[in-house]
Amino acid sequence: MAVGLRRNGASPGAAATLWIGNPTLNPAVLVFIVLTLGWAWAALRLVLGLALVVAAAAVTMRLATTTRTGAPQVDADTLDASGAPVKERRGRRRRSRRGSAASYGWRSS
């Protein structure tokens, strides 16, 4: 999901917020914690989860702004599904193993 957000132009902080906040602040998990451990543990997880999400977004945005001025930033369009950079193909394109239409005696129109 975070890679999809970045490909669609979302900020790095928004992608980090979703990536960290989704499992941390999951309402189903919070309800389960209330039922099993009590409301105090659920409140603690909620407060610490919110602090973690805000800190992760702030750190990510800080790192993203320093990356723009320093090393070149990787564009989200150059990432594959796992988030790894896709290598560009350089040089000559390989010809197909099949011959062209002229080599088979066909006319090309």
Foldseek 3Di string as FASTA:
>chain_A
DLLVCLLVPDDQLVSLLCVQLCVQVPPVVLVVCCVPPNNVVSVVSVVVSVVVSVVRSVVRNVVVVVCVVPPDDDRSVQADPVRDGHDDDDDDDDDDPDDDCVVVVHDDD
